[in-house]
């Protein structure tokens, strides 16, 4: 529609300038072809950008449900809040050492990834403080706010947060049952 309007305006200018007949038609057709080509290029770029954004969102959704991401956002968060860890303390120490070296998936969206890096670093720090019983309620409150801010960035980036895969929830609950003897 935009091309058609521009073409009509061009025809009016050609008439005003006195470029009638064959010359005017040739010029008008050339300009129309150039305008259509630009429109097609713009549409193609827009489609490519949309496809790239969709792939980024799909990748970030998958990263959100990556096993290590779930371990940090669910299990490590629960440990920071309650002091309960589903396996032994040595397992927790290995996890914290690994996370300290940033051996985890990163998100493609820069805002989400920045929040994730901050969340992991804070989680490691607070988990270590929980192990040494040096954590305070204000630390947990600040941690909860940081986690909420990160989840909000995730929602803005790739929509509603995907559900945690059922097998990971069951596996965690199964370990808790085994450790409590029920």
N, C-alpha and C. Protein backbone atom coordinates (compact mmCIF):
# COMPACT_ATOMS: atom_id res chain seq x y z
N UNK A 1 0.82 -1.18 0.00
CA UNK A 1 0.00 0.00 0.00
C UNK A 1 0.87 1.26 0.00
N UNK A 2 1.95 1.23 0.78
CA UNK A 2 2.86 2.37 0.83
C UNK A 2 3.50 2.59 -0.53
N UNK A 3 3.87 1.48 -1.20
CA UNK A 3 4.47 1.59 -2.52
C UNK A 3 3.47 2.19 -3.50
N UNK A 4 2.22 1.76 -3.44
CA UNK A 4 1.20 2.27 -4.33
C UNK A 4 1.01 3.77 -4.13
N UNK A 5 0.98 4.23 -2.87
CA UNK A 5 0.85 5.65 -2.61
C UNK A 5 2.04 6.43 -3.16
N UNK A 6 3.21 5.92 -2.95
CA UNK A 6 4.40 6.59 -3.45
C UNK A 6 4.40 6.62 -4.97
N UNK A 7 3.93 5.55 -5.59
CA UNK A 7 3.87 5.48 -7.04
C UNK A 7 2.88 6.51 -7.58
N UNK A 8 1.75 6.65 -6.93
CA UNK A 8 0.75 7.63 -7.35
C UNK A 8 1.30 9.04 -7.22
N UNK A 9 1.99 9.32 -6.14
CA UNK A 9 2.61 10.64 -5.95
C UNK A 9 3.65 10.88 -7.04
N UNK A 10 4.42 9.85 -7.36
CA UNK A 10 5.44 9.96 -8.41
C UNK A 10 4.79 10.27 -9.75
N UNK A 11 3.69 9.61 -10.06
CA UNK A 11 2.99 9.89 -11.32
C UNK A 11 2.53 11.34 -11.38
N UNK A 12 2.06 11.86 -10.27
CA UNK A 12 1.62 13.26 -10.24
C UNK A 12 2.80 14.19 -10.50
N UNK A 13 3.96 13.90 -9.92
CA UNK A 13 5.14 14.74 -10.13
C UNK A 13 5.60 14.68 -11.59
N UNK A 14 5.53 13.48 -12.16
CA UNK A 14 5.93 13.33 -13.57
C UNK A 14 5.02 14.19 -14.45
N UNK A 15 3.74 14.18 -14.16
CA UNK A 15 2.79 15.00 -14.92
C UNK A 15 3.10 16.48 -14.74
N UNK A 16 3.38 16.87 -13.49
CA UNK A 16 3.70 18.27 -13.22
C UNK A 16 4.97 18.71 -13.94
N UNK A 17 5.95 17.84 -14.03
CA UNK A 17 7.21 18.20 -14.66
C UNK A 17 7.15 18.06 -16.19
N UNK A 18 6.07 17.55 -16.68
CA UNK A 18 5.90 17.45 -18.12
C UNK A 18 6.64 16.29 -18.74
N UNK A 19 6.93 15.29 -17.97
CA UNK A 19 7.60 14.10 -18.51
C UNK A 19 6.54 13.08 -18.91
N UNK A 20 5.79 13.37 -19.89
CA UNK A 20 4.71 12.47 -20.31
C UNK A 20 5.21 11.41 -21.25
N UNK A 21 4.30 10.62 -21.70
CA UNK A 21 4.58 9.62 -22.72
C UNK A 21 5.48 8.51 -22.25
N UNK A 22 6.29 8.02 -23.17
CA UNK A 22 7.15 6.86 -22.94
C UNK A 22 8.22 7.14 -21.90
N UNK A 23 8.84 8.30 -21.95
CA UNK A 23 9.91 8.65 -21.01
C UNK A 23 9.36 8.66 -19.58
N UNK A 24 8.22 9.29 -19.42
CA UNK A 24 7.60 9.35 -18.09
C UNK A 24 7.22 7.98 -17.58
N UNK A 25 6.71 7.15 -18.47
CA UNK A 25 6.33 5.78 -18.08
C UNK A 25 7.56 4.98 -17.67
N UNK A 26 8.64 5.09 -18.43
CA UNK A 26 9.88 4.36 -18.12
C UNK A 26 10.43 4.82 -16.77
N UNK A 27 10.48 6.12 -16.57
CA UNK A 27 10.98 6.65 -15.29
C UNK A 27 10.09 6.17 -14.15
N UNK A 28 8.79 6.23 -14.35
CA UNK A 28 7.86 5.80 -13.31
C UNK A 28 8.02 4.33 -12.99
N UNK A 29 8.19 3.50 -14.02
CA UNK A 29 8.38 2.07 -13.80
C UNK A 29 9.69 1.77 -13.10
N UNK A 30 10.74 2.50 -13.46
CA UNK A 30 12.03 2.30 -12.77
C UNK A 30 11.93 2.67 -11.30
N UNK A 31 11.32 3.80 -11.03
CA UNK A 31 11.17 4.23 -9.63
C UNK A 31 10.29 3.24 -8.87
N UNK A 32 9.24 2.78 -9.52
CA UNK A 32 8.35 1.80 -8.87
C UNK A 32 9.13 0.52 -8.54
N UNK A 33 9.98 0.06 -9.46
CA UNK A 33 10.77 -1.15 -9.22
C UNK A 33 11.73 -0.96 -8.06
N UNK A 34 12.36 0.22 -8.00
CA UNK A 34 13.28 0.51 -6.90
C UNK A 34 12.53 0.54 -5.57
N UNK A 35 11.37 1.18 -5.55
CA UNK A 35 10.58 1.24 -4.31
C UNK A 35 10.11 -0.14 -3.87
N UNK A 36 9.67 -0.95 -4.82
CA UNK A 36 9.24 -2.31 -4.48
C UNK A 36 10.40 -3.14 -3.95
N UNK A 37 11.57 -2.97 -4.56
CA UNK A 37 12.76 -3.70 -4.10
C UNK A 37 13.12 -3.32 -2.67
N UNK A 38 13.07 -2.03 -2.38
CA UNK A 38 13.36 -1.57 -1.01
C UNK A 38 12.34 -2.13 -0.03
N UNK A 39 11.09 -2.15 -0.43
CA UNK A 39 10.04 -2.69 0.44
C UNK A 39 10.29 -4.18 0.70
N UNK A 40 10.64 -4.92 -0.35
CA UNK A 40 10.93 -6.34 -0.19
C UNK A 40 12.14 -6.56 0.72
N UNK A 41 13.17 -5.75 0.53
CA UNK A 41 14.36 -5.87 1.38
C UNK A 41 14.01 -5.60 2.84
N UNK A 42 13.20 -4.59 3.06
CA UNK A 42 12.79 -4.24 4.42
C UNK A 42 11.98 -5.39 5.04
N UNK A 43 11.05 -5.95 4.27
CA UNK A 43 10.25 -7.08 4.77
C UNK A 43 11.14 -8.28 5.06
N UNK A 44 12.11 -8.53 4.20
CA UNK A 44 13.03 -9.65 4.40
C UNK A 44 13.86 -9.46 5.67
N UNK A 45 14.37 -8.25 5.87
CA UNK A 45 15.14 -7.96 7.09
C UNK A 45 14.26 -8.12 8.32
N UNK A 46 13.03 -7.67 8.24
CA UNK A 46 12.11 -7.78 9.36
C UNK A 46 11.83 -9.25 9.69
N UNK A 47 11.64 -10.07 8.64
CA UNK A 47 11.41 -11.50 8.86
C UNK A 47 12.63 -12.16 9.50
N UNK A 48 13.81 -11.83 9.00
CA UNK A 48 15.03 -12.41 9.57
C UNK A 48 15.20 -12.01 11.04
N UNK A 49 14.91 -10.75 11.36
CA UNK A 49 15.01 -10.29 12.74
C UNK A 49 14.01 -11.03 13.63
N UNK A 50 12.82 -11.22 13.12
CA UNK A 50 11.80 -11.94 13.89
C UNK A 50 12.22 -13.40 14.13
N UNK A 51 12.73 -14.04 13.09
CA UNK A 51 13.19 -15.42 13.24
C UNK A 51 14.34 -15.51 14.23
N UNK A 52 15.28 -14.56 14.18
CA UNK A 52 16.39 -14.55 15.12
C UNK A 52 15.88 -14.36 16.54
N UNK A 53 14.94 -13.44 16.73
CA UNK A 53 14.37 -13.20 18.06
C UNK A 53 13.64 -14.46 18.56
N UNK A 54 12.91 -15.13 17.68
CA UNK A 54 12.21 -16.36 18.08
C UNK A 54 13.20 -17.45 18.48
N UNK A 55 14.29 -17.59 17.72
CA UNK A 55 15.31 -18.60 18.08
C UNK A 55 15.97 -18.26 19.41
N UNK A 56 16.23 -16.97 19.64
CA UNK A 56 16.82 -16.54 20.90
C UNK A 56 15.88 -16.85 22.06
N UNK A 57 14.60 -16.56 21.89
CA UNK A 57 13.62 -16.84 22.95
C UNK A 57 13.52 -18.33 23.22
N UNK A 58 13.50 -19.15 22.15
CA UNK A 58 13.43 -20.61 22.34
C UNK A 58 14.68 -21.12 23.07
N UNK A 59 15.84 -20.60 22.70
CA UNK A 59 17.08 -21.02 23.35
C UNK A 59 17.07 -20.62 24.82
N UNK A 60 16.63 -19.39 25.11
CA UNK A 60 16.59 -18.94 26.50
C UNK A 60 15.56 -19.71 27.32
N UNK A 61 14.44 -20.08 26.71
CA UNK A 61 13.46 -20.93 27.43
C UNK A 61 14.09 -22.28 27.78
N UNK A 62 14.83 -22.84 26.82
CA UNK A 62 15.50 -24.12 27.07
C UNK A 62 16.56 -23.97 28.16
N UNK A 63 17.29 -22.87 28.13
CA UNK A 63 18.31 -22.63 29.15
C UNK A 63 17.66 -22.47 30.52
N UNK A 64 16.50 -21.83 30.57
CA UNK A 64 15.78 -21.65 31.83
C UNK A 64 15.45 -23.01 32.46
N UNK A 65 15.17 -24.01 31.62
CA UNK A 65 14.86 -25.34 32.13
C UNK A 65 16.03 -26.31 32.02
N UNK A 66 17.22 -25.77 31.85
CA UNK A 66 18.42 -26.60 31.86
C UNK A 66 18.62 -27.13 33.28
N UNK A 67 19.14 -28.31 33.41
CA UNK A 67 19.28 -28.98 34.71
C UNK A 67 20.02 -28.12 35.74
N UNK A 68 21.13 -27.52 35.35
CA UNK A 68 21.91 -26.71 36.29
C UNK A 68 21.17 -25.42 36.65
N UNK A 69 20.45 -24.84 35.69
CA UNK A 69 19.67 -23.64 35.97
C UNK A 69 18.59 -23.95 37.00
N UNK A 70 17.93 -25.07 36.84
CA UNK A 70 16.90 -25.48 37.81
C UNK A 70 17.54 -25.72 39.17
N UNK A 71 18.70 -26.33 39.17
CA UNK A 71 19.39 -26.59 40.43
C UNK A 71 19.65 -25.28 41.18
N UNK A 72 20.06 -24.25 40.46
CA UNK A 72 20.34 -22.95 41.10
C UNK A 72 19.04 -22.27 41.50
N UNK A 73 18.10 -22.14 40.56
CA UNK A 73 16.90 -21.34 40.83
C UNK A 73 15.91 -22.02 41.76
N UNK A 74 15.96 -23.32 41.88
CA UNK A 74 15.02 -24.02 42.76
C UNK A 74 15.71 -24.55 44.02
N UNK A 75 16.63 -25.47 43.83
CA UNK A 75 17.21 -26.20 44.95
C UNK A 75 18.20 -25.37 45.77
N UNK A 76 19.06 -24.64 45.09
CA UNK A 76 20.01 -23.80 45.82
C UNK A 76 19.27 -22.65 46.51
N UNK A 77 18.24 -22.13 45.85
CA UNK A 77 17.42 -21.08 46.47
C UNK A 77 16.73 -21.61 47.73
N UNK A 78 16.23 -22.84 47.66
CA UNK A 78 15.60 -23.44 48.84
C UNK A 78 16.63 -23.64 49.96
N UNK A 79 17.85 -24.03 49.60
CA UNK A 79 18.88 -24.20 50.62
C UNK A 79 19.21 -22.86 51.28
N UNK A 80 19.31 -21.81 50.50
CA UNK A 80 19.62 -20.50 51.06
C UNK A 80 18.52 -20.08 52.03
N UNK A 81 17.28 -20.36 51.68
CA UNK A 81 16.16 -19.95 52.53
C UNK A 81 15.99 -20.82 53.76
N UNK A 82 16.19 -22.14 53.62
CA UNK A 82 15.85 -23.06 54.71
C UNK A 82 17.04 -23.77 55.34
N UNK A 83 18.14 -23.88 54.61
CA UNK A 83 19.29 -24.61 55.12
C UNK A 83 19.22 -26.10 54.83
N UNK A 84 18.21 -26.54 54.07
CA UNK A 84 18.09 -27.97 53.72
C UNK A 84 18.56 -28.21 52.30
N UNK A 85 19.44 -29.21 52.16
CA UNK A 85 19.98 -29.61 50.87
C UNK A 85 19.65 -31.08 50.66
N UNK A 86 19.16 -31.47 49.46
CA UNK A 86 18.68 -32.84 49.26
C UNK A 86 19.74 -33.93 49.27
N UNK A 87 21.01 -33.57 49.09
CA UNK A 87 22.07 -34.59 49.13
C UNK A 87 23.07 -34.20 50.20
N UNK A 88 24.26 -34.76 50.13
CA UNK A 88 25.24 -34.48 51.18
C UNK A 88 25.92 -33.12 50.96
N UNK A 89 26.59 -32.66 52.00
CA UNK A 89 27.23 -31.35 51.99
C UNK A 89 28.38 -31.30 50.99
N UNK A 90 29.05 -32.41 50.77
CA UNK A 90 30.16 -32.45 49.81
C UNK A 90 29.65 -32.15 48.39
N UNK A 91 28.49 -32.68 48.06
CA UNK A 91 27.86 -32.42 46.77
C UNK A 91 27.59 -30.92 46.61
N UNK A 92 27.10 -30.31 47.67
CA UNK A 92 26.84 -28.87 47.66
C UNK A 92 28.13 -28.08 47.47
N UNK A 93 29.18 -28.47 48.14
CA UNK A 93 30.46 -27.76 48.01
C UNK A 93 31.02 -27.86 46.59
N UNK A 94 30.86 -29.02 45.96
CA UNK A 94 31.30 -29.19 44.57
C UNK A 94 30.49 -28.28 43.64
N UNK A 95 29.19 -28.22 43.88
CA UNK A 95 28.33 -27.35 43.08
C UNK A 95 28.76 -25.89 43.22
N UNK A 96 29.00 -25.46 44.44
CA UNK A 96 29.39 -24.07 44.67
C UNK A 96 30.73 -23.75 44.01
N UNK A 97 31.67 -24.69 44.06
CA UNK A 97 32.97 -24.48 43.41
C UNK A 97 32.78 -24.38 41.90
N UNK A 98 31.95 -25.22 41.34
CA UNK A 98 31.69 -25.19 39.91
C UNK A 98 31.01 -23.89 39.49
N UNK A 99 30.03 -23.48 40.25
CA UNK A 99 29.32 -22.23 39.93
C UNK A 99 30.24 -21.02 40.07
N UNK A 100 31.16 -21.06 41.01
CA UNK A 100 32.11 -19.96 41.19
C UNK A 100 32.97 -19.76 39.96
N UNK A 101 33.20 -20.84 39.22
CA UNK A 101 34.01 -20.77 38.00
C UNK A 101 33.16 -20.48 36.77
N UNK A 102 31.90 -20.16 36.98
CA UNK A 102 30.93 -19.82 35.93
C UNK A 102 30.77 -20.94 34.90
N UNK A 103 30.71 -22.17 35.38
CA UNK A 103 30.51 -23.32 34.51
C UNK A 103 29.02 -23.64 34.40
N UNK A 104 28.29 -22.69 33.89
CA UNK A 104 26.85 -22.86 33.71
C UNK A 104 26.46 -22.21 32.40
N UNK A 105 25.25 -22.55 31.94
CA UNK A 105 24.74 -21.98 30.70
C UNK A 105 24.48 -20.49 30.87
N UNK A 106 24.71 -19.76 29.81
CA UNK A 106 24.39 -18.34 29.80
C UNK A 106 23.20 -18.10 28.89
N UNK A 107 22.45 -17.06 29.19
CA UNK A 107 21.29 -16.69 28.38
C UNK A 107 21.74 -15.79 27.25
N UNK A 108 21.00 -15.81 26.15
CA UNK A 108 21.35 -14.98 25.00
C UNK A 108 20.88 -13.54 25.17
N UNK A 109 19.75 -13.35 25.85
CA UNK A 109 19.27 -11.99 26.09
C UNK A 109 20.21 -11.33 27.09
N UNK A 110 20.81 -10.19 26.74
CA UNK A 110 21.80 -9.56 27.62
C UNK A 110 21.25 -9.19 29.01
N UNK A 111 20.03 -8.67 29.08
CA UNK A 111 19.47 -8.28 30.37
C UNK A 111 19.22 -9.51 31.24
N UNK A 112 18.70 -10.56 30.65
CA UNK A 112 18.45 -11.80 31.40
C UNK A 112 19.76 -12.39 31.86
N UNK A 113 20.76 -12.41 30.97
CA UNK A 113 22.04 -12.99 31.34
C UNK A 113 22.73 -12.20 32.44
N UNK A 114 22.66 -10.89 32.39
CA UNK A 114 23.28 -10.07 33.44
C UNK A 114 22.63 -10.39 34.79
N UNK A 115 21.30 -10.47 34.81
CA UNK A 115 20.60 -10.83 36.05
C UNK A 115 20.95 -12.24 36.51
N UNK A 116 21.11 -13.16 35.56
CA UNK A 116 21.46 -14.54 35.88
C UNK A 116 22.85 -14.63 36.51
N UNK A 117 23.80 -13.94 35.93
CA UNK A 117 25.17 -13.95 36.47
C UNK A 117 25.17 -13.39 37.89
N UNK A 118 24.44 -12.31 38.11
CA UNK A 118 24.33 -11.73 39.45
C UNK A 118 23.65 -12.70 40.41
N UNK A 119 22.59 -13.36 39.94
CA UNK A 119 21.87 -14.31 40.79
C UNK A 119 22.76 -15.49 41.18
N UNK A 120 23.50 -16.01 40.23
CA UNK A 120 24.39 -17.15 40.54
C UNK A 120 25.47 -16.73 41.53
N UNK A 121 26.09 -15.59 41.30
CA UNK A 121 27.16 -15.13 42.20
C UNK A 121 26.61 -14.91 43.62
N UNK A 122 25.44 -14.30 43.70
CA UNK A 122 24.83 -14.07 45.02
C UNK A 122 24.42 -15.39 45.66
N UNK A 123 23.91 -16.32 44.85
CA UNK A 123 23.52 -17.63 45.37
C UNK A 123 24.72 -18.36 45.97
N UNK A 124 25.85 -18.32 45.27
CA UNK A 124 27.06 -18.98 45.77
C UNK A 124 27.50 -18.33 47.08
N UNK A 125 27.52 -17.01 47.10
CA UNK A 125 27.94 -16.31 48.31
C UNK A 125 27.03 -16.64 49.49
N UNK A 126 25.72 -16.57 49.27
CA UNK A 126 24.78 -16.82 50.37
C UNK A 126 24.75 -18.29 50.79
N UNK A 127 24.95 -19.19 49.84
CA UNK A 127 25.00 -20.62 50.20
C UNK A 127 26.21 -20.89 51.08
N UNK A 128 27.32 -20.28 50.77
CA UNK A 128 28.52 -20.45 51.61
C UNK A 128 28.28 -19.85 53.00
N UNK A 129 27.60 -18.71 53.03
CA UNK A 129 27.29 -18.11 54.33
C UNK A 129 26.28 -18.96 55.09
N UNK A 130 25.36 -19.62 54.38
CA UNK A 130 24.40 -20.52 55.04
C UNK A 130 25.14 -21.71 55.64
N UNK A 131 26.13 -22.21 54.92
CA UNK A 131 26.92 -23.33 55.44
C UNK A 131 27.63 -22.97 56.73
N UNK A 132 28.10 -21.74 56.84
CA UNK A 132 28.81 -21.30 58.04
C UNK A 132 27.88 -20.59 59.03
N UNK A 133 26.58 -20.65 58.77
CA UNK A 133 25.55 -20.05 59.64
C UNK A 133 25.75 -18.55 59.85
N UNK A 134 26.19 -17.87 58.81
CA UNK A 134 26.39 -16.43 58.89
C UNK A 134 25.41 -15.65 58.02
N UNK A 135 24.26 -16.21 57.77
CA UNK A 135 23.28 -15.57 56.91
C UNK A 135 22.21 -14.90 57.76
N UNK A 136 21.72 -13.78 57.29
CA UNK A 136 20.70 -13.04 58.03
C UNK A 136 19.43 -12.94 57.20
N UNK A 137 18.34 -12.62 57.85
CA UNK A 137 17.05 -12.48 57.16
C UNK A 137 17.10 -11.41 56.08
N UNK A 138 17.82 -10.33 56.33
CA UNK A 138 17.91 -9.27 55.33
C UNK A 138 18.62 -9.76 54.06
N UNK A 139 19.59 -10.68 54.22
CA UNK A 139 20.26 -11.28 53.07
C UNK A 139 19.27 -12.08 52.23
N UNK A 140 18.43 -12.84 52.91
CA UNK A 140 17.44 -13.66 52.22
C UNK A 140 16.41 -12.77 51.51
N UNK A 141 16.01 -11.68 52.17
CA UNK A 141 15.07 -10.75 51.56
C UNK A 141 15.68 -10.14 50.28
N UNK A 142 16.92 -9.69 50.36
CA UNK A 142 17.60 -9.12 49.19
C UNK A 142 17.75 -10.17 48.08
N UNK A 143 18.05 -11.39 48.48
CA UNK A 143 18.19 -12.49 47.51
C UNK A 143 16.86 -12.74 46.81
N UNK A 144 15.79 -12.79 47.57
CA UNK A 144 14.47 -13.01 46.97
C UNK A 144 14.13 -11.91 45.98
N UNK A 145 14.50 -10.68 46.30
CA UNK A 145 14.23 -9.55 45.40
C UNK A 145 15.06 -9.69 44.11
N UNK A 146 16.31 -10.08 44.26
CA UNK A 146 17.18 -10.28 43.10
C UNK A 146 16.61 -11.38 42.20
N UNK A 147 16.16 -12.46 42.80
CA UNK A 147 15.59 -13.56 42.03
C UNK A 147 14.31 -13.12 41.32
N UNK A 148 13.46 -12.36 42.01
CA UNK A 148 12.23 -11.85 41.41
C UNK A 148 12.55 -10.93 40.23
N UNK A 149 13.53 -10.06 40.40
CA UNK A 149 13.93 -9.15 39.32
C UNK A 149 14.42 -9.95 38.10
N UNK A 150 15.19 -11.00 38.34
CA UNK A 150 15.68 -11.83 37.25
C UNK A 150 14.52 -12.54 36.55
N UNK A 151 13.60 -13.09 37.32
CA UNK A 151 12.46 -13.77 36.71
C UNK A 151 11.60 -12.79 35.91
N UNK A 152 11.47 -11.57 36.39
CA UNK A 152 10.73 -10.54 35.64
C UNK A 152 11.42 -10.25 34.30
N UNK A 153 12.76 -10.19 34.32
CA UNK A 153 13.50 -9.98 33.07
C UNK A 153 13.29 -11.16 32.12
N UNK A 154 13.23 -12.37 32.66
CA UNK A 154 12.96 -13.55 31.85
C UNK A 154 11.58 -13.44 31.20
N UNK A 155 10.59 -13.05 31.98
CA UNK A 155 9.22 -12.92 31.45
C UNK A 155 9.16 -11.87 30.34
N UNK A 156 9.85 -10.76 30.53
CA UNK A 156 9.87 -9.72 29.49
C UNK A 156 10.56 -10.21 28.23
N UNK A 157 11.56 -11.05 28.40
CA UNK A 157 12.34 -11.52 27.26
C UNK A 157 11.66 -12.65 26.49
N UNK A 158 11.19 -13.67 27.19
CA UNK A 158 10.65 -14.82 26.47
C UNK A 158 9.28 -15.28 26.94
N UNK A 159 8.54 -14.38 27.55
CA UNK A 159 7.15 -14.69 27.89
C UNK A 159 7.01 -15.43 29.20
N UNK A 160 5.87 -16.09 29.37
CA UNK A 160 5.63 -16.81 30.63
C UNK A 160 6.75 -17.82 30.89
N UNK A 161 7.10 -17.96 32.16
CA UNK A 161 8.17 -18.89 32.52
C UNK A 161 7.70 -20.31 32.29
N UNK A 162 8.53 -21.11 31.64
CA UNK A 162 8.15 -22.51 31.40
C UNK A 162 8.10 -23.29 32.70
N UNK A 163 7.22 -24.28 32.75
CA UNK A 163 7.14 -25.14 33.93
C UNK A 163 8.41 -25.97 34.05
N UNK A 164 8.77 -26.27 35.30
CA UNK A 164 9.93 -27.12 35.55
C UNK A 164 9.57 -28.54 35.10
N UNK A 165 10.46 -29.19 34.34
CA UNK A 165 10.16 -30.56 33.89
C UNK A 165 9.85 -31.47 35.08
N UNK A 166 8.83 -32.29 34.92
CA UNK A 166 8.31 -33.14 35.99
C UNK A 166 9.37 -34.08 36.57
N UNK A 167 10.22 -34.67 35.71
CA UNK A 167 11.21 -35.64 36.20
C UNK A 167 12.21 -35.00 37.15
N UNK A 168 12.51 -33.73 36.99
CA UNK A 168 13.45 -33.07 37.90
C UNK A 168 12.78 -32.78 39.23
N UNK A 169 11.52 -32.44 39.23
CA UNK A 169 10.79 -32.21 40.47
C UNK A 169 10.67 -33.52 41.24
N UNK A 170 10.31 -34.60 40.52
CA UNK A 170 10.16 -35.89 41.18
C UNK A 170 11.48 -36.38 41.75
N UNK A 171 12.56 -36.21 40.99
CA UNK A 171 13.87 -36.66 41.45
C UNK A 171 14.25 -35.94 42.74
N UNK A 172 14.01 -34.63 42.80
CA UNK A 172 14.32 -33.85 44.00
C UNK A 172 13.46 -34.30 45.17
N UNK A 173 12.17 -34.47 44.96
CA UNK A 173 11.27 -34.90 46.03
C UNK A 173 11.62 -36.31 46.49
N UNK A 174 12.05 -37.14 45.57
CA UNK A 174 12.44 -38.50 45.90
C UNK A 174 13.65 -38.48 46.84
N UNK A 175 14.63 -37.63 46.57
CA UNK A 175 15.81 -37.52 47.44
C UNK A 175 15.42 -37.02 48.82
N UNK A 176 14.49 -36.07 48.86
CA UNK A 176 14.04 -35.56 50.17
C UNK A 176 13.38 -36.68 50.97
N UNK A 177 12.57 -37.50 50.29
CA UNK A 177 11.90 -38.62 50.97
C UNK A 177 12.90 -39.62 51.49
N UNK A 178 13.93 -39.90 50.68
CA UNK A 178 14.95 -40.85 51.10
C UNK A 178 15.73 -40.33 52.31
N UNK A 179 15.99 -39.01 52.34
CA UNK A 179 16.79 -38.46 53.42
C UNK A 179 15.98 -38.36 54.72
N UNK A 180 14.66 -38.23 54.62
CA UNK A 180 13.83 -38.15 55.83
C UNK A 180 13.31 -39.51 56.25
N UNK A 181 13.46 -40.51 55.35
CA UNK A 181 13.05 -41.86 55.71
C UNK A 181 11.57 -42.12 55.49
N UNK A 182 10.88 -41.30 54.72
CA UNK A 182 9.45 -41.53 54.46
C UNK A 182 9.23 -42.12 53.11
